[in-house]
Amino acid sequence: MFTIRRMPRGAVVPAIMAVALAGLGAGTASAADWPTLKEGAYLYSGTTGTGTVTEVDLGSLGTCHTLSGPARSVQIANGSASLELHSGAGCTGAAWRSGSLAQTDLPWVALSYRVVTA
């Protein structure tokens, strides 16, 4: 036979908060692998912000830039610009846009990019 044990009403909210915070802590563990988020845009040759870093000139709006090596992840913190990353040199091939606040691995290796308005 099972006995139902009720939790005091005042203990329910702290218990729910503890579970929610534990879940948030687990979710942010992967973000700790990334470099500290800072103003600007950065492309990385490795995943999760590792490898060689290429700093993007966010003032070169609309200009296509071919990278010296492939980019596998991006980090951007800017209120007005985002990146359009391309799988081919000369801004050819498949395109992916970052948004103005992003920290993510790319869906494919990027060989070129263009700064666009967010």
Protein backbone atom coordinates (compact mmCIF):
# COMPACT_ATOMS: atom_id res chain seq x y z
CA MET A 1 0.00 0.00 0.00
CA PHE A 2 1.24 3.47 -0.91
CA THR A 3 1.08 6.42 1.39
CA ILE A 4 0.75 9.87 -0.10
CA ARG A 5 2.91 12.32 1.71
CA ARG A 6 2.18 15.98 1.17
CA MET A 7 4.87 18.58 1.12
CA PRO A 8 4.19 21.70 3.20
CA ARG A 9 2.94 24.51 0.99
CA GLY A 10 5.89 26.78 1.79
CA ALA A 11 8.37 24.11 0.64
CA VAL A 12 6.88 23.64 -2.85
CA VAL A 13 8.17 26.89 -4.38
CA PRO A 14 11.77 26.48 -3.12
CA ALA A 15 11.79 22.88 -4.37
CA ILE A 16 10.64 23.95 -7.84
CA MET A 17 13.21 26.78 -7.89
CA ALA A 18 16.01 24.37 -6.95
CA VAL A 19 15.11 22.03 -9.81
CA ALA A 20 14.91 24.93 -12.30
CA LEU A 21 18.25 26.38 -11.22
CA ALA A 22 19.90 22.98 -11.41
CA GLY A 23 18.66 22.69 -14.99
CA LEU A 24 19.99 26.14 -15.87
CA GLY A 25 23.36 25.30 -14.41
CA ALA A 26 23.58 22.20 -16.56
CA GLY A 27 22.60 24.18 -19.65
CA THR A 28 25.31 26.79 -19.22
CA ALA A 29 28.14 24.28 -18.87
CA SER A 30 28.74 24.23 -22.64
CA ALA A 31 28.89 28.03 -22.78
CA ALA A 32 31.88 27.93 -20.43
CA ASP A 33 33.92 26.33 -23.23
CA TRP A 34 33.60 29.48 -25.37
CA PRO A 35 35.84 32.54 -25.04
CA THR A 36 34.30 35.39 -23.06
CA LEU A 37 31.67 37.18 -25.14
CA LYS A 38 32.87 40.67 -26.08
CA GLU A 39 31.75 43.45 -28.41
CA GLY A 40 32.52 42.73 -32.06
CA ALA A 41 32.55 39.70 -34.34
CA TYR A 42 35.00 36.80 -34.41
CA LEU A 43 35.37 33.73 -36.60
CA TYR A 44 37.18 30.66 -35.30
CA SER A 45 38.88 27.85 -37.22
CA GLY A 46 37.70 25.29 -34.65
CA THR A 47 34.37 24.50 -33.05
CA THR A 48 33.18 26.21 -29.82
CA GLY A 49 35.40 29.24 -30.37
CA THR A 50 38.71 27.39 -30.57
CA GLY A 51 41.61 27.60 -33.00
CA THR A 52 42.78 30.57 -35.03
CA VAL A 53 40.73 33.74 -34.53
CA THR A 54 39.77 36.14 -37.32
CA GLU A 55 38.41 39.48 -36.10
CA VAL A 56 35.72 40.79 -38.43
CA ASP A 57 35.66 44.47 -39.42
CA LEU A 58 31.97 45.25 -38.83
CA GLY A 59 32.42 48.60 -40.60
CA SER A 60 32.87 46.92 -44.00
CA LEU A 61 29.14 46.57 -44.64
CA GLY A 62 28.33 44.66 -47.84
CA THR A 63 31.93 43.83 -48.80
CA CYS A 64 32.73 40.16 -49.45
CA HIS A 65 35.79 38.80 -47.62
CA THR A 66 37.40 35.46 -48.47
CA LEU A 67 39.01 33.90 -45.41
CA SER A 68 42.62 32.69 -45.38
CA GLY A 69 41.40 29.48 -43.73
CA PRO A 70 38.01 27.87 -43.04
CA ALA A 71 35.81 29.06 -40.14
CA ARG A 72 33.87 26.53 -38.07
CA SER A 73 32.36 28.76 -35.36
CA VAL A 74 31.30 32.37 -34.87
CA GLN A 75 30.84 34.77 -31.98
CA ILE A 76 29.17 38.15 -32.51
CA ALA A 77 27.87 40.81 -30.13
CA ASN A 78 26.67 43.88 -32.00
CA GLY A 79 23.36 45.70 -32.06
CA SER A 80 23.24 46.64 -35.72
CA ALA A 81 25.30 44.18 -37.79
CA SER A 82 25.30 40.45 -38.43
CA LEU A 83 27.33 38.12 -40.62
CA GLU A 84 26.37 36.26 -43.75
CA LEU A 85 28.75 33.30 -43.97
CA HIS A 86 29.24 31.35 -47.20
CA SER A 87 30.46 27.82 -47.87
CA GLY A 88 32.45 28.94 -50.93
CA ALA A 89 35.12 31.58 -51.56
CA GLY A 90 33.95 34.93 -52.94
CA CYS A 91 30.61 34.71 -51.08
CA THR A 92 29.41 31.79 -53.20
CA GLY A 93 27.73 28.57 -52.17
CA ALA A 94 25.33 28.07 -49.30
CA ALA A 95 24.73 31.09 -47.04
CA TRP A 96 23.96 31.29 -43.31
CA ARG A 97 23.21 34.45 -41.26
CA SER A 98 24.36 34.88 -37.70
CA GLY A 99 22.09 37.50 -36.19
CA SER A 100 23.54 40.35 -34.11
CA LEU A 101 24.08 38.28 -30.94
CA ALA A 102 25.35 34.75 -31.55
CA GLN A 103 27.83 32.23 -30.24
CA THR A 104 27.55 29.03 -32.26
CA ASP A 105 29.20 26.38 -34.37
CA LEU A 106 28.46 26.86 -38.06
CA PRO A 107 26.26 24.36 -39.94
CA TRP A 108 29.14 23.92 -42.43
CA VAL A 109 32.66 25.23 -42.94
CA ALA A 110 32.62 28.88 -44.07
CA LEU A 111 35.20 30.13 -46.58
CA SER A 112 33.91 33.71 -46.94
CA TYR A 113 31.64 36.25 -45.27
CA ARG A 114 29.86 39.56 -45.73
CA VAL A 115 28.79 42.02 -43.02
CA VAL A 116 25.06 42.81 -43.33
CA THR A 117 22.59 44.86 -41.31
CA ALA A 118 20.84 42.98 -38.54
